[in-house]
Amino acid sequence: MTSRLVLASNNRGKLAELQAMLAPLGVELVRQSELGVPEAQEPHRTFVENALAKARNASQHTGLPALADDAGLCVDAFGGLPGVDTAFYATQFGYEKGDDNNVRALLEQMRDVANRRAALVSTLVAVRSPEDPEPLIAVGRVAGEIAREPVGGNGFGFDPVMFIPRFGQTFAQLPVEVKNASSHRGMAARQMLELMRERWAP
């Protein structure tokens, strides 16, 4: 197993979360910005294609194996959207980009919608090289319902309105360790850990 892996993200929170989850492999994750990697284009309509584009880009520029993720909120009543546009959701409705505005815009759009089912989806893709014909792909998905108003102070993004029936709470109400253990990114990271052990371990 390689000791260094470039993370195709500049998000410190994401780095810390994934580094902790991949610790059993003895892998050091390095943010792409620390290695001078430019942001990849993300022109695709699916999480897996965008994550693959980001991983290939990071590997191309560094010569290292790379890990990338793409994640978002998929709302049943909107045919799975906002999906890959989740981060910019609020801007479609004239708001500034940002978590709070995303939540506000979503609640406005869903005011009269009875079907509140939605899922948070995280897709992780890892490549050994830019030409790797067999990228590792792990998908984590947590289904729930969009609450009528934000509740809870933990988490970020849509966590305050993502109500998880089996906990009877929103993601933002759960203790951080419970959330990480049952989050879409947590699920994807555990799958990725197993895939790396099985396919990449020496």
Foldseek 3Di string as FASTA:
>chain_A
DDAEAEELDPDPVVLVLLCVLLVVVNHHYHYLVVVVQDHFDQPDQAFVVSQLRSQQSSCASPVAKYKYKAKAKFWVVVVGPPHNCLQVQLVVVPDDGFQVSSLVVVLVVCVPPPRFKMKIKMWMWIARHSPGPDIDIFMFIAIAGFANDFDAQADTHSQRRGQHVVVRHGLRNDDPVVSCCRDGVNRRSNSVSVVCCVPPDD
